[in-house]
N, C-alpha and C. Protein backbone atom coordinates (compact mmCIF):
# COMPACT_ATOMS: atom_id res chain seq x y z
N MET A 1 0.85 -1.16 0.00
CA MET A 1 0.00 0.00 0.00
C MET A 1 0.88 1.21 0.00
N LYS A 2 0.65 2.06 -0.94
CA LYS A 2 1.48 3.25 -1.08
C LYS A 2 0.85 4.40 -0.31
N LEU A 3 1.73 5.18 0.37
CA LEU A 3 1.26 6.36 1.10
C LEU A 3 1.33 7.56 0.19
N SER A 4 0.40 8.37 0.34
CA SER A 4 0.45 9.62 -0.43
C SER A 4 1.53 10.50 0.12
N LEU A 5 1.93 11.42 -0.66
CA LEU A 5 2.99 12.35 -0.25
C LEU A 5 2.60 13.10 1.00
N ALA A 6 1.40 13.53 1.09
CA ALA A 6 0.94 14.29 2.25
C ALA A 6 0.97 13.43 3.49
N SER A 7 0.56 12.16 3.38
CA SER A 7 0.56 11.27 4.54
C SER A 7 1.97 10.99 4.98
N ALA A 8 2.87 10.79 4.03
CA ALA A 8 4.27 10.51 4.35
C ALA A 8 4.88 11.70 5.07
N LEU A 9 4.58 12.87 4.60
CA LEU A 9 5.12 14.09 5.21
C LEU A 9 4.59 14.25 6.63
N ALA A 10 3.32 14.02 6.86
CA ALA A 10 2.73 14.15 8.19
C ALA A 10 3.34 13.14 9.14
N THR A 11 3.56 11.91 8.68
CA THR A 11 4.16 10.88 9.52
C THR A 11 5.58 11.25 9.87
N ALA A 12 6.32 11.79 8.92
CA ALA A 12 7.71 12.19 9.17
C ALA A 12 7.77 13.30 10.21
N LEU A 13 6.92 14.27 10.07
CA LEU A 13 6.91 15.37 11.03
C LEU A 13 6.55 14.88 12.44
N LEU A 14 5.61 13.96 12.51
CA LEU A 14 5.22 13.41 13.79
C LEU A 14 6.38 12.67 14.43
N MET A 15 7.10 11.89 13.66
CA MET A 15 8.23 11.12 14.15
C MET A 15 9.35 12.05 14.62
N ILE A 16 9.60 13.10 13.86
CA ILE A 16 10.65 14.08 14.25
C ILE A 16 10.28 14.75 15.56
N GLY A 17 9.01 15.12 15.71
CA GLY A 17 8.54 15.76 16.94
C GLY A 17 8.70 14.85 18.14
N LEU A 18 8.36 13.55 17.98
CA LEU A 18 8.50 12.61 19.09
C LEU A 18 9.96 12.41 19.44
N ALA A 19 10.83 12.34 18.45
CA ALA A 19 12.26 12.15 18.71
C ALA A 19 12.83 13.35 19.46
N GLN A 20 12.44 14.54 19.09
CA GLN A 20 12.93 15.74 19.78
C GLN A 20 12.44 15.78 21.23
N ALA A 21 11.19 15.41 21.45
CA ALA A 21 10.65 15.42 22.81
C ALA A 21 11.39 14.43 23.69
N ALA A 22 11.78 13.27 23.11
CA ALA A 22 12.47 12.25 23.89
C ALA A 22 13.88 12.67 24.22
N THR A 23 14.52 13.47 23.39
CA THR A 23 15.91 13.86 23.63
C THR A 23 16.05 15.20 24.35
N ASN A 24 14.96 15.92 24.61
CA ASN A 24 15.05 17.20 25.33
C ASN A 24 15.57 16.97 26.75
N THR A 25 16.49 17.80 27.20
CA THR A 25 16.98 17.76 28.58
C THR A 25 16.29 18.88 29.35
N PRO A 26 16.40 18.85 30.69
CA PRO A 26 15.76 19.94 31.45
C PRO A 26 16.25 21.30 31.06
N ASP A 27 17.54 21.38 30.57
CA ASP A 27 18.06 22.69 30.19
C ASP A 27 17.39 23.21 28.93
N THR A 28 16.98 22.29 28.08
CA THR A 28 16.41 22.74 26.83
C THR A 28 14.89 22.66 26.82
N ALA A 29 14.33 22.05 27.87
CA ALA A 29 12.87 21.94 27.92
C ALA A 29 12.27 23.32 28.14
N PRO A 30 11.14 23.55 27.55
CA PRO A 30 10.51 24.85 27.78
C PRO A 30 10.08 24.98 29.24
N THR A 31 10.35 26.14 29.81
CA THR A 31 9.99 26.37 31.21
C THR A 31 8.59 26.94 31.28
N PRO A 32 7.81 26.38 32.18
CA PRO A 32 6.45 26.92 32.30
C PRO A 32 6.53 28.32 32.91
N THR A 33 5.63 29.15 32.52
CA THR A 33 5.61 30.51 33.07
C THR A 33 4.95 30.46 34.44
N ALA A 34 5.66 31.00 35.44
CA ALA A 34 5.13 31.01 36.81
C ALA A 34 4.13 32.14 36.95
N THR A 35 3.07 31.84 37.63
CA THR A 35 2.08 32.89 37.89
C THR A 35 2.19 33.30 39.35
N LYS A 36 2.20 34.59 39.60
CA LYS A 36 2.31 35.12 40.96
C LYS A 36 0.94 35.05 41.64
N PRO A 37 0.96 34.67 42.91
CA PRO A 37 -0.33 34.70 43.61
C PRO A 37 -0.77 36.15 43.77
N PRO A 38 -2.05 36.38 43.85
CA PRO A 38 -2.50 37.76 44.00
C PRO A 38 -1.95 38.38 45.28
N ALA A 39 -1.63 39.64 45.21
CA ALA A 39 -1.08 40.34 46.37
C ALA A 39 -2.14 40.40 47.47
N VAL A 40 -1.70 40.10 48.68
CA VAL A 40 -2.60 40.15 49.83
C VAL A 40 -2.36 41.45 50.57
N LYS A 41 -3.41 42.22 50.71
CA LYS A 41 -3.28 43.48 51.44
C LYS A 41 -3.24 43.19 52.93
N PRO A 42 -2.30 43.81 53.64
CA PRO A 42 -2.26 43.57 55.08
C PRO A 42 -3.52 44.13 55.74
N GLN A 43 -4.09 43.33 56.63
CA GLN A 43 -5.29 43.75 57.35
C GLN A 43 -4.88 44.55 58.57
N PRO A 44 -5.59 45.64 58.85
CA PRO A 44 -5.26 46.38 60.07
C PRO A 44 -5.55 45.52 61.30
N ALA A 45 -4.73 45.69 62.32
CA ALA A 45 -4.91 44.91 63.54
C ALA A 45 -6.24 45.26 64.18
N LYS A 46 -6.95 44.23 64.57
CA LYS A 46 -8.23 44.46 65.23
C LYS A 46 -7.97 44.97 66.63
N PRO A 47 -8.69 46.01 67.04
CA PRO A 47 -8.48 46.49 68.40
C PRO A 47 -8.91 45.43 69.40
N GLN A 48 -8.06 45.21 70.39
CA GLN A 48 -8.36 44.21 71.40
C GLN A 48 -9.30 44.81 72.44
N PRO A 49 -10.33 44.06 72.82
CA PRO A 49 -11.22 44.59 73.86
C PRO A 49 -10.45 44.71 75.17
N PRO A 50 -10.80 45.70 76.00
CA PRO A 50 -10.08 45.83 77.26
C PRO A 50 -10.30 44.59 78.12
N LYS A 51 -9.28 44.23 78.86
CA LYS A 51 -9.40 43.07 79.73
C LYS A 51 -10.38 43.39 80.86
N PRO A 52 -11.22 42.43 81.18
CA PRO A 52 -12.17 42.71 82.26
C PRO A 52 -11.44 42.89 83.58
N HIS A 53 -11.95 43.77 84.40
CA HIS A 53 -11.33 44.00 85.70
C HIS A 53 -11.70 42.84 86.62
N THR A 54 -10.73 42.38 87.35
CA THR A 54 -10.97 41.24 88.22
C THR A 54 -11.29 41.64 89.65
N ASN A 55 -11.08 42.91 89.99
CA ASN A 55 -11.47 43.38 91.32
C ASN A 55 -11.91 44.84 91.23
N VAL A 56 -12.23 45.41 92.37
CA VAL A 56 -12.84 46.73 92.41
C VAL A 56 -11.84 47.88 92.20
N ALA A 57 -10.56 47.58 92.18
CA ALA A 57 -9.54 48.64 92.03
C ALA A 57 -9.78 49.43 90.76
N GLY A 58 -9.71 50.77 90.89
CA GLY A 58 -9.91 51.64 89.73
C GLY A 58 -10.86 52.79 90.05
N LEU A 59 -11.24 53.50 89.01
CA LEU A 59 -12.10 54.68 89.15
C LEU A 59 -13.57 54.31 88.99
N TRP A 60 -14.40 54.91 89.84
CA TRP A 60 -15.84 54.66 89.82
C TRP A 60 -16.62 55.97 89.91
N GLU A 61 -17.77 55.98 89.23
CA GLU A 61 -18.64 57.15 89.24
C GLU A 61 -19.85 56.87 90.11
N GLN A 62 -20.03 57.70 91.12
CA GLN A 62 -21.18 57.58 92.02
C GLN A 62 -22.29 58.50 91.53
N SER A 63 -23.50 57.97 91.47
CA SER A 63 -24.65 58.80 91.09
C SER A 63 -25.83 58.43 91.98
N ASP A 64 -26.79 59.36 92.08
CA ASP A 64 -27.95 59.10 92.94
C ASP A 64 -29.01 58.29 92.20
N ASP A 65 -30.15 58.13 92.85
CA ASP A 65 -31.23 57.31 92.27
C ASP A 65 -31.77 57.88 90.96
N LYS A 66 -31.58 59.17 90.74
CA LYS A 66 -32.06 59.80 89.51
C LYS A 66 -30.98 59.84 88.43
N GLY A 67 -29.82 59.28 88.72
CA GLY A 67 -28.74 59.25 87.74
C GLY A 67 -27.87 60.48 87.74
N VAL A 68 -28.04 61.37 88.74
CA VAL A 68 -27.23 62.59 88.81
C VAL A 68 -25.87 62.23 89.44
N VAL A 69 -24.82 62.53 88.70
CA VAL A 69 -23.46 62.19 89.17
C VAL A 69 -23.08 63.11 90.31
N GLY A 70 -22.58 62.48 91.38
CA GLY A 70 -22.16 63.26 92.54
C GLY A 70 -20.66 63.31 92.73
N ALA A 71 -19.98 62.21 92.41
CA ALA A 71 -18.54 62.17 92.67
C ALA A 71 -17.89 61.01 91.94
N TRP A 72 -16.56 61.09 91.87
CA TRP A 72 -15.73 59.99 91.38
C TRP A 72 -14.88 59.49 92.55
N PHE A 73 -14.72 58.18 92.60
CA PHE A 73 -13.92 57.55 93.65
C PHE A 73 -12.83 56.68 93.03
N LEU A 74 -11.72 56.60 93.72
CA LEU A 74 -10.63 55.71 93.31
C LEU A 74 -10.48 54.65 94.39
N PHE A 75 -10.65 53.38 93.98
CA PHE A 75 -10.44 52.26 94.89
C PHE A 75 -9.04 51.70 94.68
N GLU A 76 -8.39 51.42 95.81
CA GLU A 76 -7.07 50.81 95.78
C GLU A 76 -7.00 49.74 96.86
N GLU A 77 -6.13 48.78 96.64
CA GLU A 77 -5.92 47.71 97.63
C GLU A 77 -4.73 48.06 98.49
N LYS A 78 -4.90 47.88 99.78
CA LYS A 78 -3.80 48.14 100.71
C LYS A 78 -3.87 47.11 101.83
N ASP A 79 -2.82 46.33 101.96
CA ASP A 79 -2.73 45.31 103.00
C ASP A 79 -3.92 44.35 102.97
N GLY A 80 -4.39 43.99 101.77
CA GLY A 80 -5.47 43.03 101.64
C GLY A 80 -6.86 43.61 101.78
N PHE A 81 -6.97 44.92 101.98
CA PHE A 81 -8.27 45.58 102.09
C PHE A 81 -8.41 46.59 100.95
N PHE A 82 -9.65 46.85 100.56
CA PHE A 82 -9.92 47.83 99.51
C PHE A 82 -10.54 49.08 100.13
N ASN A 83 -9.97 50.22 99.76
CA ASN A 83 -10.44 51.52 100.24
C ASN A 83 -10.77 52.42 99.06
N GLY A 84 -11.78 53.24 99.21
CA GLY A 84 -12.17 54.16 98.14
C GLY A 84 -12.11 55.60 98.62
N ARG A 85 -11.36 56.42 97.88
CA ARG A 85 -11.25 57.82 98.28
C ARG A 85 -11.87 58.73 97.22
N LEU A 86 -12.32 59.88 97.68
CA LEU A 86 -12.95 60.88 96.82
C LEU A 86 -11.86 61.57 95.99
N VAL A 87 -12.05 61.56 94.64
CA VAL A 87 -11.04 62.19 93.79
C VAL A 87 -11.62 63.31 92.92
N LYS A 88 -12.95 63.37 92.83
CA LYS A 88 -13.57 64.45 92.06
C LYS A 88 -15.01 64.59 92.51
N ALA A 89 -15.48 65.83 92.66
CA ALA A 89 -16.85 66.07 93.12
C ALA A 89 -17.61 66.91 92.11
N PHE A 90 -18.90 66.66 92.04
CA PHE A 90 -19.79 67.41 91.16
C PHE A 90 -20.95 67.95 92.00
N PRO A 91 -20.69 69.01 92.77
CA PRO A 91 -21.73 69.51 93.67
C PRO A 91 -22.92 70.08 92.90
N LYS A 92 -24.11 69.89 93.45
CA LYS A 92 -25.31 70.45 92.85
C LYS A 92 -25.32 71.95 93.14
N PRO A 93 -25.91 72.73 92.24
CA PRO A 93 -25.91 74.19 92.42
C PRO A 93 -26.55 74.64 93.74
N ASP A 94 -27.52 73.88 94.23
CA ASP A 94 -28.22 74.31 95.45
C ASP A 94 -27.63 73.71 96.72
N GLU A 95 -26.51 73.00 96.62
CA GLU A 95 -25.88 72.39 97.79
C GLU A 95 -24.64 73.17 98.19
N PRO A 96 -24.41 73.30 99.49
CA PRO A 96 -23.18 73.97 99.93
C PRO A 96 -21.97 73.10 99.61
N VAL A 97 -20.87 73.72 99.28
CA VAL A 97 -19.64 72.99 98.99
C VAL A 97 -18.91 72.74 100.29
N ILE A 98 -18.57 71.49 100.54
CA ILE A 98 -17.84 71.12 101.75
C ILE A 98 -16.38 70.88 101.35
N ASP A 99 -15.49 71.72 101.84
CA ASP A 99 -14.07 71.60 101.51
C ASP A 99 -13.32 70.72 102.50
N LYS A 100 -13.77 70.73 103.76
CA LYS A 100 -13.10 69.97 104.81
C LYS A 100 -14.11 69.13 105.56
N CYS A 101 -13.65 68.01 106.08
CA CYS A 101 -14.52 67.13 106.84
C CYS A 101 -14.49 67.57 108.31
N ILE A 102 -15.17 68.66 108.57
CA ILE A 102 -15.16 69.26 109.91
C ILE A 102 -15.76 68.33 110.95
N LYS A 103 -16.79 67.58 110.56
CA LYS A 103 -17.49 66.71 111.52
C LYS A 103 -16.92 65.31 111.59
N CYS A 104 -15.84 65.06 110.86
CA CYS A 104 -15.19 63.75 110.95
C CYS A 104 -14.46 63.63 112.29
N THR A 105 -14.12 62.41 112.64
CA THR A 105 -13.40 62.18 113.89
C THR A 105 -12.04 61.56 113.58
N GLY A 106 -11.22 61.46 114.59
CA GLY A 106 -9.93 60.81 114.48
C GLY A 106 -9.01 61.50 113.49
N ASP A 107 -8.27 60.69 112.71
CA ASP A 107 -7.27 61.27 111.80
C ASP A 107 -7.88 61.86 110.53
N GLN A 108 -9.21 61.86 110.45
CA GLN A 108 -9.86 62.50 109.30
C GLN A 108 -10.49 63.84 109.67
N LYS A 109 -10.46 64.20 110.93
CA LYS A 109 -11.08 65.46 111.36
C LYS A 109 -10.36 66.64 110.70
N ASN A 110 -11.15 67.49 110.05
CA ASN A 110 -10.67 68.70 109.36
C ASN A 110 -9.79 68.39 108.14
N ALA A 111 -9.79 67.15 107.68
CA ALA A 111 -9.02 66.80 106.48
C ALA A 111 -9.72 67.36 105.25
N GLN A 112 -8.94 67.67 104.22
CA GLN A 112 -9.51 68.11 102.95
C GLN A 112 -10.39 67.01 102.37
N MET A 113 -11.47 67.41 101.72
CA MET A 113 -12.39 66.43 101.14
C MET A 113 -11.77 65.68 99.97
N MET A 114 -11.07 66.41 99.09
CA MET A 114 -10.46 65.74 97.94
C MET A 114 -9.31 64.87 98.42
N GLY A 115 -9.43 63.58 98.19
CA GLY A 115 -8.43 62.62 98.65
C GLY A 115 -8.83 61.92 99.93
N LEU A 116 -9.99 62.29 100.49
CA LEU A 116 -10.45 61.69 101.74
C LEU A 116 -11.00 60.28 101.47
N THR A 117 -10.57 59.32 102.30
CA THR A 117 -11.08 57.95 102.18
C THR A 117 -12.49 57.90 102.75
N ILE A 118 -13.44 57.54 101.89
CA ILE A 118 -14.85 57.48 102.27
C ILE A 118 -15.26 56.03 102.57
N ILE A 119 -14.78 55.10 101.76
CA ILE A 119 -15.07 53.67 101.97
C ILE A 119 -13.77 53.01 102.43
N ASN A 120 -13.88 52.28 103.53
CA ASN A 120 -12.66 51.82 104.20
C ASN A 120 -12.77 50.35 104.61
N GLY A 121 -11.67 49.62 104.47
CA GLY A 121 -11.54 48.28 105.05
C GLY A 121 -12.42 47.21 104.44
N MET A 122 -12.66 47.24 103.14
CA MET A 122 -13.50 46.23 102.51
C MET A 122 -12.71 44.96 102.25
N LYS A 123 -13.24 43.83 102.72
CA LYS A 123 -12.60 42.52 102.50
C LYS A 123 -13.24 41.87 101.29
N ARG A 124 -12.38 41.40 100.39
CA ARG A 124 -12.88 40.80 99.15
C ARG A 124 -13.12 39.31 99.30
N ASN A 125 -14.25 38.86 98.73
CA ASN A 125 -14.55 37.44 98.60
C ASN A 125 -15.18 37.27 97.22
N GLY A 126 -14.35 37.03 96.21
CA GLY A 126 -14.84 36.95 94.83
C GLY A 126 -15.32 38.32 94.37
N LEU A 127 -16.60 38.41 94.01
CA LEU A 127 -17.18 39.68 93.58
C LEU A 127 -17.78 40.47 94.73
N ASN A 128 -17.78 39.90 95.93
CA ASN A 128 -18.37 40.54 97.10
C ASN A 128 -17.30 41.17 97.98
N TYR A 129 -17.66 42.29 98.58
CA TYR A 129 -16.78 43.01 99.49
C TYR A 129 -17.59 43.31 100.74
N LYS A 130 -17.06 42.89 101.90
CA LYS A 130 -17.84 43.03 103.14
C LYS A 130 -16.96 43.52 104.28
N ASP A 131 -17.63 43.75 105.42
CA ASP A 131 -16.98 44.11 106.68
C ASP A 131 -16.24 45.44 106.62
N GLY A 132 -16.65 46.32 105.73
CA GLY A 132 -16.04 47.64 105.64
C GLY A 132 -16.94 48.71 106.23
N SER A 133 -16.55 49.94 106.03
CA SER A 133 -17.34 51.07 106.52
C SER A 133 -17.41 52.15 105.45
N ILE A 134 -18.44 52.99 105.58
CA ILE A 134 -18.60 54.12 104.67
C ILE A 134 -18.88 55.36 105.49
N LEU A 135 -18.20 56.44 105.15
CA LEU A 135 -18.29 57.69 105.88
C LEU A 135 -19.23 58.65 105.17
N ASP A 136 -20.10 59.27 105.96
CA ASP A 136 -20.92 60.38 105.43
C ASP A 136 -20.25 61.67 105.91
N PRO A 137 -19.50 62.34 105.03
CA PRO A 137 -18.73 63.51 105.47
C PRO A 137 -19.61 64.70 105.85
N ARG A 138 -20.88 64.66 105.51
CA ARG A 138 -21.75 65.79 105.87
C ARG A 138 -21.94 65.89 107.37
N ASP A 139 -22.03 64.74 108.05
CA ASP A 139 -22.22 64.79 109.49
C ASP A 139 -21.23 63.93 110.26
N GLY A 140 -20.28 63.33 109.55
CA GLY A 140 -19.25 62.53 110.21
C GLY A 140 -19.70 61.12 110.59
N SER A 141 -20.91 60.74 110.21
CA SER A 141 -21.41 59.40 110.56
C SER A 141 -20.65 58.33 109.78
N VAL A 142 -20.42 57.20 110.45
CA VAL A 142 -19.77 56.06 109.82
C VAL A 142 -20.74 54.88 109.88
N TYR A 143 -21.00 54.28 108.71
CA TYR A 143 -21.94 53.17 108.61
C TYR A 143 -21.20 51.90 108.18
N HIS A 144 -21.82 50.76 108.45
CA HIS A 144 -21.31 49.50 107.90
C HIS A 144 -21.49 49.56 106.39
N ALA A 145 -20.67 48.80 105.67
CA ALA A 145 -20.77 48.83 104.22
C ALA A 145 -20.46 47.47 103.63
N GLU A 146 -21.10 47.21 102.51
CA GLU A 146 -20.78 46.04 101.70
C GLU A 146 -20.96 46.42 100.24
N MET A 147 -20.29 45.70 99.36
CA MET A 147 -20.36 46.01 97.93
C MET A 147 -20.38 44.70 97.14
N LYS A 148 -20.94 44.79 95.95
CA LYS A 148 -20.91 43.64 95.04
C LYS A 148 -20.64 44.16 93.64
N MET A 149 -19.58 43.62 93.03
CA MET A 149 -19.21 44.02 91.67
C MET A 149 -19.85 43.04 90.68
N SER A 150 -20.31 43.56 89.53
CA SER A 150 -20.88 42.71 88.49
C SER A 150 -19.79 41.82 87.90
N ALA A 151 -20.21 40.72 87.29
CA ALA A 151 -19.25 39.76 86.72
C ALA A 151 -18.37 40.39 85.65
N ASP A 152 -18.91 41.37 84.90
CA ASP A 152 -18.12 42.03 83.86
C ASP A 152 -17.28 43.19 84.39
N GLY A 153 -17.38 43.47 85.70
CA GLY A 153 -16.57 44.50 86.32
C GLY A 153 -16.98 45.92 86.00
N LYS A 154 -18.19 46.12 85.45
CA LYS A 154 -18.60 47.45 85.01
C LYS A 154 -19.49 48.19 85.99
N THR A 155 -20.15 47.48 86.90
CA THR A 155 -21.00 48.14 87.88
C THR A 155 -20.68 47.64 89.28
N LEU A 156 -21.00 48.46 90.25
CA LEU A 156 -20.70 48.15 91.64
C LEU A 156 -21.89 48.59 92.49
N ASP A 157 -22.50 47.64 93.18
CA ASP A 157 -23.58 47.96 94.12
C ASP A 157 -22.94 48.26 95.47
N VAL A 158 -23.13 49.49 95.94
CA VAL A 158 -22.54 49.94 97.20
C VAL A 158 -23.69 50.13 98.20
N ARG A 159 -23.60 49.45 99.33
CA ARG A 159 -24.66 49.51 100.33
C ARG A 159 -24.10 49.93 101.68
N GLY A 160 -24.66 51.00 102.23
CA GLY A 160 -24.35 51.43 103.58
C GLY A 160 -25.54 51.09 104.47
N TYR A 161 -25.26 50.65 105.70
CA TYR A 161 -26.39 50.24 106.54
C TYR A 161 -26.05 50.38 108.02
N LEU A 162 -27.12 50.40 108.83
CA LEU A 162 -27.02 50.40 110.28
C LEU A 162 -27.33 48.99 110.77
N PHE A 163 -26.53 48.46 111.62
CA PHE A 163 -26.76 47.18 112.28
C PHE A 163 -26.76 45.98 111.33
N VAL A 164 -27.76 45.89 110.44
CA VAL A 164 -27.85 44.76 109.50
C VAL A 164 -28.06 45.30 108.09
N PRO A 165 -27.60 44.56 107.06
CA PRO A 165 -27.72 45.04 105.68
C PRO A 165 -29.15 45.37 105.26
N LEU A 166 -30.13 44.70 105.88
CA LEU A 166 -31.53 44.96 105.54
C LEU A 166 -31.90 46.41 105.78
N LEU A 167 -31.28 47.00 106.79
CA LEU A 167 -31.58 48.40 107.15
C LEU A 167 -30.56 49.32 106.48
N GLY A 168 -30.63 49.41 105.18
CA GLY A 168 -29.65 50.22 104.48
C GLY A 168 -30.15 50.68 103.13
N LYS A 169 -29.24 51.25 102.38
CA LYS A 169 -29.56 51.80 101.06
C LYS A 169 -28.44 51.44 100.10
N THR A 170 -28.83 51.08 98.87
CA THR A 170 -27.85 50.68 97.86
C THR A 170 -27.85 51.65 96.70
N GLN A 171 -26.66 51.98 96.23
CA GLN A 171 -26.48 52.75 95.00
C GLN A 171 -25.67 51.89 94.04
N THR A 172 -25.94 52.03 92.75
CA THR A 172 -25.16 51.33 91.74
C THR A 172 -24.22 52.33 91.08
N TRP A 173 -22.93 52.07 91.20
CA TRP A 173 -21.91 52.93 90.63
C TRP A 173 -21.42 52.31 89.33
N LYS A 174 -20.87 53.16 88.46
CA LYS A 174 -20.36 52.70 87.17
C LYS A 174 -18.85 52.86 87.12
N ARG A 175 -18.21 51.85 86.54
CA ARG A 175 -16.76 51.94 86.39
C ARG A 175 -16.41 52.94 85.30
N LEU A 176 -15.38 53.73 85.57
CA LEU A 176 -14.87 54.69 84.60
C LEU A 176 -13.67 54.08 83.88
N PRO A 177 -13.37 54.56 82.67
CA PRO A 177 -12.14 54.08 82.01
C PRO A 177 -10.92 54.40 82.86
N ASP A 178 -9.91 53.56 82.76
CA ASP A 178 -8.69 53.75 83.56
C ASP A 178 -8.04 55.11 83.30
N ASP A 179 -8.26 55.66 82.10
CA ASP A 179 -7.64 56.94 81.75
C ASP A 179 -8.61 58.12 81.91
N ALA A 180 -9.69 57.94 82.68
CA ALA A 180 -10.65 59.04 82.87
C ALA A 180 -10.01 60.23 83.58
N MET A 181 -9.02 59.96 84.40
CA MET A 181 -8.25 61.03 85.06
C MET A 181 -6.78 60.74 84.86
N ALA A 182 -6.04 61.79 84.53
CA ALA A 182 -4.59 61.63 84.42
C ALA A 182 -4.03 61.38 85.82
N PRO A 183 -3.02 60.52 85.94
CA PRO A 183 -2.48 60.21 87.28
C PRO A 183 -2.10 61.45 88.08
N GLU A 184 -1.59 62.47 87.40
CA GLU A 184 -1.17 63.67 88.14
C GLU A 184 -2.36 64.49 88.65
N ASP A 185 -3.57 64.21 88.13
CA ASP A 185 -4.76 64.94 88.57
C ASP A 185 -5.48 64.24 89.72
N ILE A 186 -5.08 63.03 90.05
CA ILE A 186 -5.74 62.27 91.12
C ILE A 186 -5.19 62.74 92.47
N PRO A 187 -6.06 63.25 93.34
CA PRO A 187 -5.58 63.73 94.64
C PRO A 187 -5.03 62.56 95.48
N PRO A 188 -3.92 62.78 96.17
CA PRO A 188 -3.41 61.73 97.04
C PRO A 188 -4.30 61.57 98.26
N GLU A 189 -4.13 60.46 98.96
CA GLU A 189 -4.89 60.23 100.18
C GLU A 189 -4.54 61.31 101.20
N VAL A 190 -5.56 61.83 101.87
CA VAL A 190 -5.31 62.89 102.85
C VAL A 190 -5.76 62.45 104.24
N LEU A 191 -5.11 63.03 105.22
CA LEU A 191 -5.48 62.86 106.61
C LEU A 191 -5.62 64.24 107.22
N ALA A 192 -6.01 64.26 108.46
CA ALA A 192 -6.19 65.55 109.14
C ALA A 192 -4.85 66.27 109.22
N PRO A 193 -4.91 67.62 109.16
CA PRO A 193 -3.66 68.37 109.35
C PRO A 193 -3.16 68.18 110.78
N PRO A 194 -1.85 68.27 110.99
CA PRO A 194 -1.34 68.11 112.36
C PRO A 194 -1.89 69.18 113.29
N ALA A 195 -2.14 68.79 114.53
CA ALA A 195 -2.66 69.74 115.53
C ALA A 195 -1.60 70.79 115.84
N ASN A 196 -2.04 72.01 116.09
CA ASN A 196 -1.11 73.11 116.41
C ASN A 196 -0.64 73.00 117.85
């Protein structure tokens, strides 16, 4: 059977192509074109939520039953007890401003109000704080006190009472951001001036 010229030529070309493919070395083999992966834009860092506070230490805002802010307090731990001192006041226009605790007793008598420890000697048990006292600087009265902080550390129920907790009153305070006051603006703890 005779092959046509066209068939013979096609077979020859096919054979030449196969022979070249078999003898190609890696140096002479065609290199595939590499494709770059798409550029990934860096994502901005997600802001981390503030860590929940594990105890009452920090700044708190005291307000009355109507939500009117009266003062800011700073709680600190000292020798295993938590104390809260007055660091900022928001007096009502119709109330007299009290600069000194004239009716206080002991080492707080005649002490400046700013920096005066109002809540004293609170013992911590988890979220509860008991066996402390709270001072009413208007008349120098000292009451028993207990507190309970919310699980998220954002609110604090402060209760002052006579004799038993049932005979008392509770206010809910709100935690302030740690940077609500610059450290240099926070009044230090004060005591009564030395006697003359």
